């Protein structure tokens, strides 16, 4: 199994763990495309173990198509990244989330 599959399986499990017949009606995970091109990831942290944790802005700029930006604000983990960096952005979330949950 590739690292991309591992991080996707982890994200699916994290999402399922948050679902309590209430959380999933208000909050969730959003992955969308950007027009520059790239990806936008927004992961709601409200009512999760991570809601009070901060991820200071982290910018990696390698080239116009190879970049990742990540940060938290208003109880949301945000990531924006280049077209081939989605797995890297999700891995940043996984690393931060696992370091900050009991």
Protein backbone atom coordinates (compact mmCIF):
# COMPACT_ATOMS: atom_id res chain seq x y z
CA UNK A 1 0.00 0.00 0.00
CA UNK A 2 1.41 3.42 -0.95
CA UNK A 3 1.79 6.32 1.46
CA UNK A 4 -1.06 8.08 -0.36
CA UNK A 5 -3.37 5.14 0.24
CA UNK A 6 -2.26 5.00 3.89
CA UNK A 7 -3.03 8.68 4.48
CA UNK A 8 -6.39 8.39 2.71
CA UNK A 9 -7.30 5.33 4.80
CA UNK A 10 -6.23 7.22 7.93
CA UNK A 11 -8.34 10.28 6.98
CA UNK A 12 -11.37 8.07 6.32
CA UNK A 13 -10.94 6.48 9.76
CA UNK A 14 -10.47 9.89 11.43
CA UNK A 15 -13.63 11.17 9.76
CA UNK A 16 -15.60 8.07 10.79
CA UNK A 17 -14.39 8.51 14.39
CA UNK A 18 -15.83 12.04 14.47
CA UNK A 19 -19.23 10.96 13.19
CA UNK A 20 -21.58 10.70 16.17
CA UNK A 21 -24.94 11.34 14.48
CA UNK A 22 -24.44 15.06 15.16
CA UNK A 23 -20.94 16.20 14.10
CA UNK A 24 -21.30 15.10 10.48
CA UNK A 25 -24.47 17.21 10.08
CA UNK A 26 -22.66 20.43 11.03
CA UNK A 27 -19.02 19.84 10.10
CA UNK A 28 -16.83 17.70 7.89
CA UNK A 29 -13.93 17.49 5.45
CA UNK A 30 -13.86 19.43 2.20
CA UNK A 31 -11.40 18.79 -0.62
CA UNK A 32 -11.76 20.99 -3.68
CA UNK A 33 -9.68 22.05 -6.64
CA UNK A 34 -8.08 25.46 -7.12
CA UNK A 35 -7.80 27.24 -10.44
CA UNK A 36 -4.07 28.01 -10.23
CA UNK A 37 -4.01 24.74 -10.32
CA UNK A 38 -4.02 22.96 -6.99
CA UNK A 39 -6.05 21.68 -4.08
CA UNK A 40 -7.92 23.24 -1.17
CA UNK A 41 -8.47 21.20 2.00
CA UNK A 42 -10.64 22.35 4.93
CA UNK A 43 -11.12 20.04 7.89
CA UNK A 44 -13.53 21.14 10.61
CA UNK A 45 -12.12 20.67 14.09
CA UNK A 46 -15.15 21.90 16.05
CA UNK A 47 -16.22 19.32 18.63
CA UNK A 48 -13.16 17.14 18.00
CA UNK A 49 -10.12 16.52 20.21
CA UNK A 50 -8.28 19.04 18.01
CA UNK A 51 -10.62 22.03 18.34
CA UNK A 52 -8.31 23.88 20.75
CA UNK A 53 -5.03 22.93 19.04
CA UNK A 54 -3.18 25.35 16.83
CA UNK A 55 -1.22 24.57 13.67
CA UNK A 56 0.92 27.66 13.00
CA UNK A 57 1.10 28.64 9.35
CA UNK A 58 3.54 26.40 7.51
CA UNK A 59 4.46 27.32 3.92
CA UNK A 60 6.55 25.12 1.64
CA UNK A 61 7.25 26.70 -1.76
CA UNK A 62 9.38 24.56 -4.08
CA UNK A 63 8.08 25.70 -7.47
CA UNK A 64 4.88 27.12 -9.02
CA UNK A 65 3.35 23.61 -9.12
CA UNK A 66 5.07 22.08 -6.06
CA UNK A 67 3.94 23.78 -2.87
CA UNK A 68 1.96 23.28 0.34
CA UNK A 69 0.55 25.81 2.78
CA UNK A 70 -1.15 24.71 6.00
CA UNK A 71 -2.58 26.45 9.08
CA UNK A 72 -5.49 26.47 11.49
CA UNK A 73 -7.97 29.28 11.94
CA UNK A 74 -11.45 29.41 13.47
CA UNK A 75 -11.26 25.70 14.44
CA UNK A 76 -10.50 24.62 10.87
CA UNK A 77 -7.36 22.95 9.58
CA UNK A 78 -6.66 24.55 6.20
CA UNK A 79 -4.29 23.40 3.50
CA UNK A 80 -3.70 24.67 0.00
CA UNK A 81 -1.27 22.90 -2.28
CA UNK A 82 -0.07 22.26 -5.78
CA UNK A 83 -1.73 19.75 -8.11
CA UNK A 84 0.54 16.84 -7.06
CA UNK A 85 0.75 17.71 -3.34
CA UNK A 86 -2.63 16.58 -1.98
CA UNK A 87 -1.19 13.51 -0.22
CA UNK A 88 1.54 15.70 1.30
CA UNK A 89 -1.06 18.16 2.63
CA UNK A 90 -3.13 15.34 4.12
CA UNK A 91 0.02 13.85 5.65
CA UNK A 92 0.70 17.18 7.39
CA UNK A 93 -2.79 16.98 8.89
CA UNK A 94 -2.29 13.35 9.96
CA UNK A 95 1.08 14.09 11.60
CA UNK A 96 -0.29 17.10 13.48
CA UNK A 97 -3.53 15.37 14.47
CA UNK A 98 -1.85 12.23 15.79
CA UNK A 99 0.65 14.33 17.78
CA UNK A 100 -2.20 16.30 19.39
CA UNK A 101 -4.75 13.61 20.26
CA UNK A 102 -4.70 11.34 23.27
